[in-house]
């Protein structure tokens, strides 16, 4: 399990939401003083595919999801406190079956 930060101090919040899949996945960006970025989001029940340009680290804050990385033949379940990484120029399927999954997405260099 990874440690999940409960708050970020000294960041700029981006007010325009990133809205995907008819509002079933929503996130807001935050920008740190050094220019690095993260998004904080919610995933409502459903199955979705996301592509990546940059490598990403997804930390699950609350709820649960099943994730299948592109090129993998199986999915793995992640609950609050767990994280997974996705390679750049790749993608993943994510499925939430009940409740809402909350996440922090960090963009890796």
PDB file of N, CA and C in Angstrom:
ATOM      1  N   UNK A   1       0.841  -1.185   0.000  1.00  0.00           N
ATOM      2  CA  UNK A   1       0.000   0.000   0.000  1.00  0.00           C
ATOM      3  C   UNK A   1       0.882   1.242   0.000  1.00  0.00           C
ATOM      4  N   UNK A   2       0.423   2.259  -0.690  1.00  0.00           N
ATOM      5  CA  UNK A   2       1.167   3.503  -0.725  1.00  0.00           C
ATOM      6  C   UNK A   2       0.471   4.539   0.147  1.00  0.00           C
ATOM      7  N   UNK A   3       1.247   5.482   0.635  1.00  0.00           N
ATOM      8  CA  UNK A   3       0.681   6.550   1.454  1.00  0.00           C
ATOM      9  C   UNK A   3      -0.028   7.554   0.559  1.00  0.00           C
ATOM     10  N   UNK A   4      -1.262   7.859   0.898  1.00  0.00           N
ATOM     11  CA  UNK A   4      -2.063   8.798   0.116  1.00  0.00           C
ATOM     12  C   UNK A   4      -2.102  10.132   0.855  1.00  0.00           C
ATOM     13  N   UNK A   5      -1.706  11.191   0.170  1.00  0.00           N
ATOM     14  CA  UNK A   5      -1.793  12.519   0.767  1.00  0.00           C
ATOM     15  C   UNK A   5      -3.243  12.926   0.897  1.00  0.00           C
ATOM     16  N   UNK A   6      -3.580  13.547   2.026  1.00  0.00           N
ATOM     17  CA  UNK A   6      -4.947  14.007   2.245  1.00  0.00           C
ATOM     18  C   UNK A   6      -5.167  15.417   1.745  1.00  0.00           C
ATOM     19  N   UNK A   7      -4.082  16.176   1.570  1.00  0.00           N
ATOM     20  CA  UNK A   7      -4.208  17.525   1.031  1.00  0.00           C
ATOM     21  C   UNK A   7      -2.895  17.951   0.389  1.00  0.00           C
ATOM     22  N   UNK A   8      -3.002  18.901  -0.507  1.00  0.00           N
ATOM     23  CA  UNK A   8      -1.837  19.484  -1.170  1.00  0.00           C
ATOM     24  C   UNK A   8      -1.852  20.977  -0.859  1.00  0.00           C
ATOM     25  N   UNK A   9      -0.779  21.472  -0.287  1.00  0.00           N
ATOM     26  CA  UNK A   9      -0.696  22.876   0.109  1.00  0.00           C
ATOM     27  C   UNK A   9       0.183  23.626  -0.892  1.00  0.00           C
ATOM     28  N   UNK A  10      -0.197  24.874  -1.206  1.00  0.00           N
ATOM     29  CA  UNK A  10       0.618  25.709  -2.079  1.00  0.00           C
ATOM     30  C   UNK A  10       0.504  25.367  -3.547  1.00  0.00           C
ATOM     31  N   UNK A  11      -0.643  24.832  -3.969  1.00  0.00           N
ATOM     32  CA  UNK A  11      -0.841  24.484  -5.378  1.00  0.00           C
ATOM     33  C   UNK A  11      -1.864  25.426  -6.009  1.00  0.00           C
ATOM     34  N   UNK A  12      -1.898  25.419  -7.321  1.00  0.00           N
ATOM     35  CA  UNK A  12      -2.917  26.153  -8.060  1.00  0.00           C
ATOM     36  C   UNK A  12      -3.946  25.143  -8.554  1.00  0.00           C
ATOM     37  N   UNK A  13      -5.209  25.396  -8.264  1.00  0.00           N
ATOM     38  CA  UNK A  13      -6.286  24.519  -8.721  1.00  0.00           C
ATOM     39  C   UNK A  13      -6.818  25.025 -10.058  1.00  0.00           C
ATOM     40  N   UNK A  14      -7.003  24.134 -10.994  1.00  0.00           N
ATOM     41  CA  UNK A  14      -7.566  24.464 -12.292  1.00  0.00           C
ATOM     42  C   UNK A  14      -9.079  24.285 -12.180  1.00  0.00           C
ATOM     43  N   UNK A  15      -9.825  25.361 -12.399  1.00  0.00           N
ATOM     44  CA  UNK A  15     -11.266  25.303 -12.159  1.00  0.00           C
ATOM     45  C   UNK A  15     -12.036  24.565 -13.241  1.00  0.00           C
ATOM     46  N   UNK A  16     -11.552  24.540 -14.465  1.00  0.00           N
ATOM     47  CA  UNK A  16     -12.239  23.835 -15.556  1.00  0.00           C
ATOM     48  C   UNK A  16     -12.035  22.337 -15.393  1.00  0.00           C
ATOM     49  N   UNK A  17     -13.121  21.603 -15.287  1.00  0.00           N
ATOM     50  CA  UNK A  17     -13.055  20.156 -15.094  1.00  0.00           C
ATOM     51  C   UNK A  17     -12.712  19.434 -16.391  1.00  0.00           C
ATOM     52  N   UNK A  18     -12.062  18.284 -16.245  1.00  0.00           N
ATOM     53  CA  UNK A  18     -11.882  17.331 -17.335  1.00  0.00           C
ATOM     54  C   UNK A  18     -13.051  16.362 -17.205  1.00  0.00           C
ATOM     55  N   UNK A  19     -13.926  16.327 -18.194  1.00  0.00           N
ATOM     56  CA  UNK A  19     -15.128  15.511 -18.121  1.00  0.00           C
ATOM     57  C   UNK A  19     -15.086  14.472 -19.246  1.00  0.00           C
ATOM     58  N   UNK A  20     -15.205  13.203 -18.866  1.00  0.00           N
ATOM     59  CA  UNK A  20     -15.138  12.096 -19.812  1.00  0.00           C
ATOM     60  C   UNK A  20     -16.387  11.217 -19.678  1.00  0.00           C
ATOM     61  N   UNK A  21     -16.704  10.516 -20.739  1.00  0.00           N
ATOM     62  CA  UNK A  21     -17.760   9.507 -20.723  1.00  0.00           C
ATOM     63  C   UNK A  21     -19.063  10.054 -20.135  1.00  0.00           C
ATOM     64  N   UNK A  22     -19.532  11.162 -20.720  1.00  0.00           N
ATOM     65  CA  UNK A  22     -20.805  11.773 -20.322  1.00  0.00           C
ATOM     66  C   UNK A  22     -20.879  12.080 -18.831  1.00  0.00           C
ATOM     67  N   UNK A  23     -19.762  12.492 -18.257  1.00  0.00           N
ATOM     68  CA  UNK A  23     -19.734  12.892 -16.851  1.00  0.00           C
ATOM     69  C   UNK A  23     -19.521  11.760 -15.872  1.00  0.00           C
ATOM     70  N   UNK A  24     -19.234  10.564 -16.375  1.00  0.00           N
ATOM     71  CA  UNK A  24     -19.030   9.434 -15.473  1.00  0.00           C
ATOM     72  C   UNK A  24     -17.612   9.378 -14.918  1.00  0.00           C
ATOM     73  N   UNK A  25     -16.699  10.152 -15.517  1.00  0.00           N
ATOM     74  CA  UNK A  25     -15.340  10.322 -15.003  1.00  0.00           C
ATOM     75  C   UNK A  25     -15.055  11.817 -15.051  1.00  0.00           C
ATOM     76  N   UNK A  26     -14.710  12.382 -13.898  1.00  0.00           N
ATOM     77  CA  UNK A  26     -14.484  13.829 -13.799  1.00  0.00           C
ATOM     78  C   UNK A  26     -13.232  14.070 -12.972  1.00  0.00           C
ATOM     79  N   UNK A  27     -12.379  14.983 -13.429  1.00  0.00           N
ATOM     80  CA  UNK A  27     -11.195  15.333 -12.648  1.00  0.00           C
ATOM     81  C   UNK A  27     -10.913  16.827 -12.756  1.00  0.00           C
ATOM     82  N   UNK A  28     -10.139  17.295 -11.791  1.00  0.00           N
ATOM     83  CA  UNK A  28      -9.643  18.671 -11.792  1.00  0.00           C
ATOM     84  C   UNK A  28      -8.131  18.620 -11.641  1.00  0.00           C
ATOM     85  N   UNK A  29      -7.453  19.494 -12.354  1.00  0.00           N
ATOM     86  CA  UNK A  29      -6.007  19.544 -12.287  1.00  0.00           C
ATOM     87  C   UNK A  29      -5.517  20.442 -11.173  1.00  0.00           C
ATOM     88  N   UNK A  30      -4.345  20.098 -10.653  1.00  0.00           N
ATOM     89  CA  UNK A  30      -3.627  20.975  -9.732  1.00  0.00           C
ATOM     90  C   UNK A  30      -2.203  21.105 -10.256  1.00  0.00           C
ATOM     91  N   UNK A  31      -1.639  22.299 -10.079  1.00  0.00           N
ATOM     92  CA  UNK A  31      -0.296  22.586 -10.563  1.00  0.00           C
ATOM     93  C   UNK A  31       0.553  22.989  -9.366  1.00  0.00           C
ATOM     94  N   UNK A  32       1.701  22.363  -9.231  1.00  0.00           N
ATOM     95  CA  UNK A  32       2.620  22.627  -8.129  1.00  0.00           C
ATOM     96  C   UNK A  32       3.566  23.763  -8.497  1.00  0.00           C
ATOM     97  N   UNK A  33       4.174  24.413  -7.504  1.00  0.00           N
ATOM     98  CA  UNK A  33       5.089  25.527  -7.791  1.00  0.00           C
ATOM     99  C   UNK A  33       6.216  25.173  -8.765  1.00  0.00           C
ATOM    100  N   UNK A  34       6.643  23.899  -8.793  1.00  0.00           N
ATOM    101  CA  UNK A  34       7.712  23.493  -9.713  1.00  0.00           C
ATOM    102  C   UNK A  34       7.208  23.193 -11.123  1.00  0.00           C
ATOM    103  N   UNK A  35       5.879  23.343 -11.338  1.00  0.00           N
ATOM    104  CA  UNK A  35       5.289  23.107 -12.648  1.00  0.00           C
ATOM    105  C   UNK A  35       4.736  21.706 -12.850  1.00  0.00           C
ATOM    106  N   UNK A  36       5.007  20.806 -11.916  1.00  0.00           N
ATOM    107  CA  UNK A  36       4.458  19.454 -12.051  1.00  0.00           C
ATOM    108  C   UNK A  36       2.949  19.483 -11.835  1.00  0.00           C
ATOM    109  N   UNK A  37       2.269  18.467 -12.375  1.00  0.00           N
ATOM    110  CA  UNK A  37       0.809  18.449 -12.356  1.00  0.00           C
ATOM    111  C   UNK A  37       0.286  17.111 -11.868  1.00  0.00           C
ATOM    112  N   UNK A  38      -0.897  17.175 -11.283  1.00  0.00           N
ATOM    113  CA  UNK A  38      -1.664  16.001 -10.887  1.00  0.00           C
ATOM    114  C   UNK A  38      -3.115  16.297 -11.206  1.00  0.00           C
ATOM    115  N   UNK A  39      -3.920  15.250 -11.276  1.00  0.00           N
ATOM    116  CA  UNK A  39      -5.360  15.450 -11.335  1.00  0.00           C
ATOM    117  C   UNK A  39      -5.979  14.679 -10.174  1.00  0.00           C
ATOM    118  N   UNK A  40      -7.083  15.221  -9.667  1.00  0.00           N
ATOM    119  CA  UNK A  40      -7.860  14.598  -8.605  1.00  0.00           C
ATOM    120  C   UNK A  40      -9.220  14.299  -9.205  1.00  0.00           C
ATOM    121  N   UNK A  41      -9.665  13.038  -9.125  1.00  0.00           N
ATOM    122  CA  UNK A  41     -10.884  12.718  -9.838  1.00  0.00           C
ATOM    123  C   UNK A  41     -11.772  11.681  -9.202  1.00  0.00           C
ATOM    124  N   UNK A  42     -12.931  11.530  -9.850  1.00  0.00           N
ATOM    125  CA  UNK A  42     -13.969  10.586  -9.463  1.00  0.00           C
ATOM    126  C   UNK A  42     -14.320   9.724 -10.665  1.00  0.00           C
ATOM    127  N   UNK A  43     -14.534   8.436 -10.417  1.00  0.00           N
ATOM    128  CA  UNK A  43     -14.991   7.519 -11.455  1.00  0.00           C
ATOM    129  C   UNK A  43     -16.268   6.854 -10.950  1.00  0.00           C
ATOM    130  N   UNK A  44     -17.355   7.077 -11.670  1.00  0.00           N
ATOM    131  CA  UNK A  44     -18.631   6.465 -11.330  1.00  0.00           C
ATOM    132  C   UNK A  44     -18.706   5.078 -11.970  1.00  0.00           C
ATOM    133  N   UNK A  45     -19.629   4.227 -11.514  1.00  0.00           N
ATOM    134  CA  UNK A  45     -19.697   2.861 -12.047  1.00  0.00           C
ATOM    135  C   UNK A  45     -19.755   2.809 -13.581  1.00  0.00           C
ATOM    136  N   UNK A  46     -18.984   1.878 -14.122  1.00  0.00           N
ATOM    137  CA  UNK A  46     -18.891   1.674 -15.559  1.00  0.00           C
ATOM    138  C   UNK A  46     -17.517   1.149 -15.914  1.00  0.00           C
ATOM    139  N   UNK A  47     -17.315   0.891 -17.208  1.00  0.00           N
ATOM    140  CA  UNK A  47     -16.021   0.429 -17.714  1.00  0.00           C
ATOM    141  C   UNK A  47     -15.554   1.425 -18.770  1.00  0.00           C
ATOM    142  N   UNK A  48     -14.298   1.878 -18.645  1.00  0.00           N
ATOM    143  CA  UNK A  48     -13.783   2.953 -19.492  1.00  0.00           C
ATOM    144  C   UNK A  48     -12.363   2.611 -19.946  1.00  0.00           C
ATOM    145  N   UNK A  49     -11.993   3.140 -21.115  1.00  0.00           N
ATOM    146  CA  UNK A  49     -10.611   2.995 -21.596  1.00  0.00           C
ATOM    147  C   UNK A  49      -9.973   4.370 -21.703  1.00  0.00           C
ATOM    148  N   UNK A  50      -8.758   4.484 -21.191  1.00  0.00           N
ATOM    149  CA  UNK A  50      -7.989   5.724 -21.278  1.00  0.00           C
ATOM    150  C   UNK A  50      -6.663   5.458 -21.961  1.00  0.00           C
ATOM    151  N   UNK A  51      -6.260   6.368 -22.820  1.00  0.00           N
ATOM    152  CA  UNK A  51      -4.937   6.345 -23.417  1.00  0.00           C
ATOM    153  C   UNK A  51      -4.044   7.321 -22.665  1.00  0.00           C
ATOM    154  N   UNK A  52      -2.752   7.091 -22.707  1.00  0.00           N
ATOM    155  CA  UNK A  52      -1.801   7.971 -22.026  1.00  0.00           C
ATOM    156  C   UNK A  52      -0.788   8.530 -23.017  1.00  0.00           C
ATOM    157  N   UNK A  53      -0.431   9.759 -22.829  1.00  0.00           N
ATOM    158  CA  UNK A  53       0.705  10.343 -23.544  1.00  0.00           C
ATOM    159  C   UNK A  53       1.948  10.235 -22.663  1.00  0.00           C
ATOM    160  N   UNK A  54       1.799  10.659 -21.406  1.00  0.00           N
ATOM    161  CA  UNK A  54       2.863  10.566 -20.411  1.00  0.00           C
ATOM    162  C   UNK A  54       2.629   9.339 -19.551  1.00  0.00           C
ATOM    163  N   UNK A  55       3.684   8.871 -18.897  1.00  0.00           N
ATOM    164  CA  UNK A  55       3.515   7.818 -17.898  1.00  0.00           C
ATOM    165  C   UNK A  55       2.726   8.403 -16.731  1.00  0.00           C
ATOM    166  N   UNK A  56       1.910   7.565 -16.105  1.00  0.00           N
ATOM    167  CA  UNK A  56       1.046   8.018 -15.018  1.00  0.00           C
ATOM    168  C   UNK A  56       1.112   7.061 -13.837  1.00  0.00           C
ATOM    169  N   UNK A  57       0.906   7.626 -12.659  1.00  0.00           N
ATOM    170  CA  UNK A  57       0.732   6.829 -11.446  1.00  0.00           C
ATOM    171  C   UNK A  57      -0.634   7.164 -10.894  1.00  0.00           C
ATOM    172  N   UNK A  58      -1.487   6.155 -10.780  1.00  0.00           N
ATOM    173  CA  UNK A  58      -2.844   6.332 -10.274  1.00  0.00           C
ATOM    174  C   UNK A  58      -2.924   5.774  -8.855  1.00  0.00           C
ATOM    175  N   UNK A  59      -3.194   6.658  -7.898  1.00  0.00           N
ATOM    176  CA  UNK A  59      -3.374   6.253  -6.509  1.00  0.00           C
ATOM    177  C   UNK A  59      -4.872   6.257  -6.209  1.00  0.00           C
ATOM    178  N   UNK A  60      -5.362   5.182  -5.652  1.00  0.00           N
ATOM    179  CA  UNK A  60      -6.773   5.081  -5.319  1.00  0.00           C
ATOM    180  C   UNK A  60      -6.962   5.632  -3.903  1.00  0.00           C
ATOM    181  N   UNK A  61      -7.791   6.665  -3.793  1.00  0.00           N
ATOM    182  CA  UNK A  61      -8.038   7.343  -2.524  1.00  0.00           C
ATOM    183  C   UNK A  61      -9.210   6.690  -1.785  1.00  0.00           C
ATOM    184  N   UNK A  62     -10.256   6.344  -2.510  1.00  0.00           N
ATOM    185  CA  UNK A  62     -11.446   5.724  -1.920  1.00  0.00           C
ATOM    186  C   UNK A  62     -12.120   4.864  -2.977  1.00  0.00           C
ATOM    187  N   UNK A  63     -12.835   3.848  -2.529  1.00  0.00           N
ATOM    188  CA  UNK A  63     -13.527   2.963  -3.451  1.00  0.00           C
ATOM    189  C   UNK A  63     -12.610   1.883  -3.978  1.00  0.00           C
ATOM    190  N   UNK A  64     -13.034   1.291  -5.093  1.00  0.00           N
ATOM    191  CA  UNK A  64     -12.315   0.154  -5.657  1.00  0.00           C
ATOM    192  C   UNK A  64     -12.521   0.122  -7.162  1.00  0.00           C
ATOM    193  N   UNK A  65     -11.508  -0.368  -7.882  1.00  0.00           N
ATOM    194  CA  UNK A  65     -11.605  -0.493  -9.331  1.00  0.00           C
ATOM    195  C   UNK A  65     -10.808  -1.697  -9.796  1.00  0.00           C
ATOM    196  N   UNK A  66     -11.165  -2.189 -10.974  1.00  0.00           N
ATOM    197  CA  UNK A  66     -10.394  -3.240 -11.635  1.00  0.00           C
ATOM    198  C   UNK A  66      -9.718  -2.595 -12.840  1.00  0.00           C
ATOM    199  N   UNK A  67      -8.437  -2.899 -13.029  1.00  0.00           N
ATOM    200  CA  UNK A  67      -7.642  -2.267 -14.081  1.00  0.00           C
ATOM    201  C   UNK A  67      -6.950  -3.331 -14.915  1.00  0.00           C
ATOM    202  N   UNK A  68      -7.035  -3.159 -16.241  1.00  0.00           N
ATOM    203  CA  UNK A  68      -6.280  -4.003 -17.166  1.00  0.00           C
ATOM    204  C   UNK A  68      -5.433  -3.086 -18.022  1.00  0.00           C
ATOM    205  N   UNK A  69      -4.129  -3.192 -17.858  1.00  0.00           N
ATOM    206  CA  UNK A  69      -3.205  -2.392 -18.660  1.00  0.00           C
ATOM    207  C   UNK A  69      -3.173  -2.914 -20.091  1.00  0.00           C
ATOM    208  N   UNK A  70      -3.006  -2.019 -21.062  1.00  0.00           N
ATOM    209  CA  UNK A  70      -2.867  -2.449 -22.455  1.00  0.00           C
ATOM    210  C   UNK A  70      -1.744  -3.476 -22.552  1.00  0.00           C
ATOM    211  N   UNK A  71      -1.993  -4.533 -23.295  1.00  0.00           N
ATOM    212  CA  UNK A  71      -0.995  -5.581 -23.476  1.00  0.00           C
ATOM    213  C   UNK A  71      -1.068  -6.681 -22.438  1.00  0.00           C
ATOM    214  N   UNK A  72      -1.802  -6.461 -21.359  1.00  0.00           N
ATOM    215  CA  UNK A  72      -1.972  -7.489 -20.327  1.00  0.00           C
ATOM    216  C   UNK A  72      -3.204  -8.328 -20.657  1.00  0.00           C
ATOM    217  N   UNK A  73      -3.239  -9.557 -20.163  1.00  0.00           N
ATOM    218  CA  UNK A  73      -4.384 -10.413 -20.442  1.00  0.00           C
ATOM    219  C   UNK A  73      -5.343 -10.522 -19.266  1.00  0.00           C
ATOM    220  N   UNK A  74      -5.009  -9.895 -18.150  1.00  0.00           N
ATOM    221  CA  UNK A  74      -5.863  -9.990 -16.969  1.00  0.00           C
ATOM    222  C   UNK A  74      -5.975  -8.624 -16.299  1.00  0.00           C
ATOM    223  N   UNK A  75      -7.008  -8.481 -15.487  1.00  0.00           N
ATOM    224  CA  UNK A  75      -7.164  -7.245 -14.722  1.00  0.00           C
ATOM    225  C   UNK A  75      -6.796  -7.506 -13.271  1.00  0.00           C
ATOM    226  N   UNK A  76      -6.491  -6.431 -12.563  1.00  0.00           N
ATOM    227  CA  UNK A  76      -6.141  -6.500 -11.156  1.00  0.00           C
ATOM    228  C   UNK A  76      -7.006  -5.495 -10.410  1.00  0.00           C
ATOM    229  N   UNK A  77      -7.435  -5.850  -9.214  1.00  0.00           N
ATOM    230  CA  UNK A  77      -8.285  -4.971  -8.418  1.00  0.00           C
ATOM    231  C   UNK A  77      -7.434  -4.106  -7.494  1.00  0.00           C
ATOM    232  N   UNK A  78      -7.796  -2.825  -7.440  1.00  0.00           N
ATOM    233  CA  UNK A  78      -7.107  -1.859  -6.578  1.00  0.00           C
ATOM    234  C   UNK A  78      -8.136  -1.192  -5.677  1.00  0.00           C
ATOM    235  N   UNK A  79      -7.819  -1.127  -4.392  1.00  0.00           N
ATOM    236  CA  UNK A  79      -8.683  -0.487  -3.408  1.00  0.00           C
ATOM    237  C   UNK A  79      -7.949   0.721  -2.829  1.00  0.00           C
ATOM    238  N   UNK A  80      -8.637   1.463  -1.983  1.00  0.00           N
ATOM    239  CA  UNK A  80      -8.047   2.646  -1.347  1.00  0.00           C
ATOM    240  C   UNK A  80      -6.683   2.306  -0.751  1.00  0.00           C
ATOM    241  N   UNK A  81      -5.707   3.160  -1.017  1.00  0.00           N
ATOM    242  CA  UNK A  81      -4.348   2.962  -0.532  1.00  0.00           C
ATOM    243  C   UNK A  81      -3.445   2.263  -1.518  1.00  0.00           C
ATOM    244  N   UNK A  82      -4.012   1.703  -2.595  1.00  0.00           N
ATOM    245  CA  UNK A  82      -3.218   1.034  -3.620  1.00  0.00           C
ATOM    246  C   UNK A  82      -2.967   1.974  -4.794  1.00  0.00           C
ATOM    247  N   UNK A  83      -1.968   1.637  -5.605  1.00  0.00           N
ATOM    248  CA  UNK A  83      -1.628   2.447  -6.773  1.00  0.00           C
ATOM    249  C   UNK A  83      -1.162   1.539  -7.902  1.00  0.00           C
ATOM    250  N   UNK A  84      -1.274   2.061  -9.128  1.00  0.00           N
ATOM    251  CA  UNK A  84      -0.732   1.362 -10.285  1.00  0.00           C
ATOM    252  C   UNK A  84      -0.123   2.395 -11.226  1.00  0.00           C
ATOM    253  N   UNK A  85       0.800   1.933 -12.066  1.00  0.00           N
ATOM    254  CA  UNK A  85       1.459   2.820 -13.024  1.00  0.00           C
ATOM    255  C   UNK A  85       1.161   2.367 -14.444  1.00  0.00           C
ATOM    256  N   UNK A  86       1.071   3.351 -15.323  1.00  0.00           N
ATOM    257  CA  UNK A  86       0.777   3.110 -16.730  1.00  0.00           C
ATOM    258  C   UNK A  86       1.900   3.751 -17.546  1.00  0.00           C
ATOM    259  N   UNK A  87       2.421   3.020 -18.498  1.00  0.00           N
ATOM    260  CA  UNK A  87       3.498   3.531 -19.351  1.00  0.00           C
ATOM    261  C   UNK A  87       3.015   4.653 -20.257  1.00  0.00           C
ATOM    262  N   UNK A  88       3.951   5.484 -20.697  1.00  0.00           N
ATOM    263  CA  UNK A  88       3.649   6.529 -21.671  1.00  0.00           C
ATOM    264  C   UNK A  88       3.217   5.892 -22.984  1.00  0.00           C
ATOM    265  N   UNK A  89       2.374   6.601 -23.719  1.00  0.00           N
ATOM    266  CA  UNK A  89       1.883   6.149 -25.021  1.00  0.00           C
ATOM    267  C   UNK A  89       1.304   4.737 -24.937  1.00  0.00           C
ATOM    268  N   UNK A  90       0.521   4.531 -23.909  1.00  0.00           N
ATOM    269  CA  UNK A  90      -0.106   3.247 -23.660  1.00  0.00           C
ATOM    270  C   UNK A  90      -1.561   3.496 -23.281  1.00  0.00           C
ATOM    271  N   UNK A  91      -2.119   2.653 -22.453  1.00  0.00           N
ATOM    272  CA  UNK A  91      -3.486   2.851 -22.014  1.00  0.00           C
ATOM    273  C   UNK A  91      -3.915   1.781 -21.040  1.00  0.00           C
ATOM    274  N   UNK A  92      -5.155   1.910 -20.597  1.00  0.00           N
ATOM    275  CA  UNK A  92      -5.694   0.948 -19.639  1.00  0.00           C
ATOM    276  C   UNK A  92      -7.213   0.998 -19.644  1.00  0.00           C
ATOM    277  N   UNK A  93      -7.807  -0.144 -19.303  1.00  0.00           N
ATOM    278  CA  UNK A  93      -9.236  -0.236 -19.045  1.00  0.00           C
ATOM    279  C   UNK A  93      -9.404  -0.146 -17.537  1.00  0.00           C
ATOM    280  N   UNK A  94     -10.403   0.604 -17.101  1.00  0.00           N
ATOM    281  CA  UNK A  94     -10.697   0.697 -15.682  1.00  0.00           C
ATOM    282  C   UNK A  94     -12.188   0.487 -15.497  1.00  0.00           C
ATOM    283  N   UNK A  95     -12.534  -0.323 -14.500  1.00  0.00           N
ATOM    284  CA  UNK A  95     -13.939  -0.633 -14.250  1.00  0.00           C
ATOM    285  C   UNK A  95     -14.256  -0.434 -12.771  1.00  0.00           C
ATOM    286  N   UNK A  96     -15.338   0.272 -12.528  1.00  0.00           N
ATOM    287  CA  UNK A  96     -15.885   0.454 -11.186  1.00  0.00           C
ATOM    288  C   UNK A  96     -17.265  -0.201 -11.207  1.00  0.00           C
ATOM    289  N   UNK A  97     -17.488  -1.129 -10.300  1.00  0.00           N
ATOM    290  CA  UNK A  97     -18.766  -1.836 -10.313  1.00  0.00           C
ATOM    291  C   UNK A  97     -19.766  -1.268  -9.313  1.00  0.00           C
ATOM    292  N   UNK A  98     -19.283  -0.751  -8.183  1.00  0.00           N
ATOM    293  CA  UNK A  98     -20.190  -0.166  -7.184  1.00  0.00           C
ATOM    294  C   UNK A  98     -19.546   1.058  -6.551  1.00  0.00           C
ATOM    295  N   UNK A  99     -20.372   1.990  -6.136  1.00  0.00           N
ATOM    296  CA  UNK A  99     -19.865   3.180  -5.465  1.00  0.00           C
ATOM    297  C   UNK A  99     -19.086   4.085  -6.408  1.00  0.00           C
ATOM    298  N   UNK A 100     -18.285   4.936  -5.826  1.00  0.00           N
ATOM    299  CA  UNK A 100     -17.454   5.885  -6.578  1.00  0.00           C
ATOM    300  C   UNK A 100     -16.001   5.632  -6.223  1.00  0.00           C
ATOM    301  N   UNK A 101     -15.158   5.582  -7.228  1.00  0.00           N
ATOM    302  CA  UNK A 101     -13.721   5.434  -7.030  1.00  0.00           C
ATOM    303  C   UNK A 101     -13.102   6.829  -7.114  1.00  0.00           C
ATOM    304  N   UNK A 102     -12.343   7.216  -6.098  1.00  0.00           N
ATOM    305  CA  UNK A 102     -11.646   8.505  -6.081  1.00  0.00           C
ATOM    306  C   UNK A 102     -10.161   8.247  -6.298  1.00  0.00           C
ATOM    307  N   UNK A 103      -9.516   9.120  -7.062  1.00  0.00           N
ATOM    308  CA  UNK A 103      -8.111   8.885  -7.388  1.00  0.00           C
ATOM    309  C   UNK A 103      -7.296  10.177  -7.456  1.00  0.00           C
ATOM    310  N   UNK A 104      -5.976   9.983  -7.372  1.00  0.00           N
ATOM    311  CA  UNK A 104      -4.980  11.022  -7.650  1.00  0.00           C
ATOM    312  C   UNK A 104      -4.139  10.483  -8.801  1.00  0.00           C
ATOM    313  N   UNK A 105      -4.062  11.222  -9.882  1.00  0.00           N
ATOM    314  CA  UNK A 105      -3.239  10.838 -11.021  1.00  0.00           C
ATOM    315  C   UNK A 105      -2.018  11.745 -11.057  1.00  0.00           C
ATOM    316  N   UNK A 106      -0.830  11.146 -10.942  1.00  0.00           N
ATOM    317  CA  UNK A 106       0.428  11.888 -11.040  1.00  0.00           C
ATOM    318  C   UNK A 106       1.040  11.617 -12.399  1.00  0.00           C
ATOM    319  N   UNK A 107       1.483  12.671 -13.064  1.00  0.00           N
ATOM    320  CA  UNK A 107       2.119  12.534 -14.361  1.00  0.00           C
ATOM    321  C   UNK A 107       3.610  12.395 -14.141  1.00  0.00           C
ATOM    322  N   UNK A 108       4.177  11.278 -14.590  1.00  0.00           N
ATOM    323  CA  UNK A 108       5.582  10.960 -14.347  1.00  0.00           C
ATOM    324  C   UNK A 108       6.435  11.410 -15.518  1.00  0.00           C
ATOM    325  N   UNK A 109       7.679  11.713 -15.229  1.00  0.00           N
ATOM    326  CA  UNK A 109       8.576  12.136 -16.319  1.00  0.00           C
ATOM    327  C   UNK A 109       9.454  11.015 -16.775  1.00  0.00           C
TER     328      UNK A 109
END
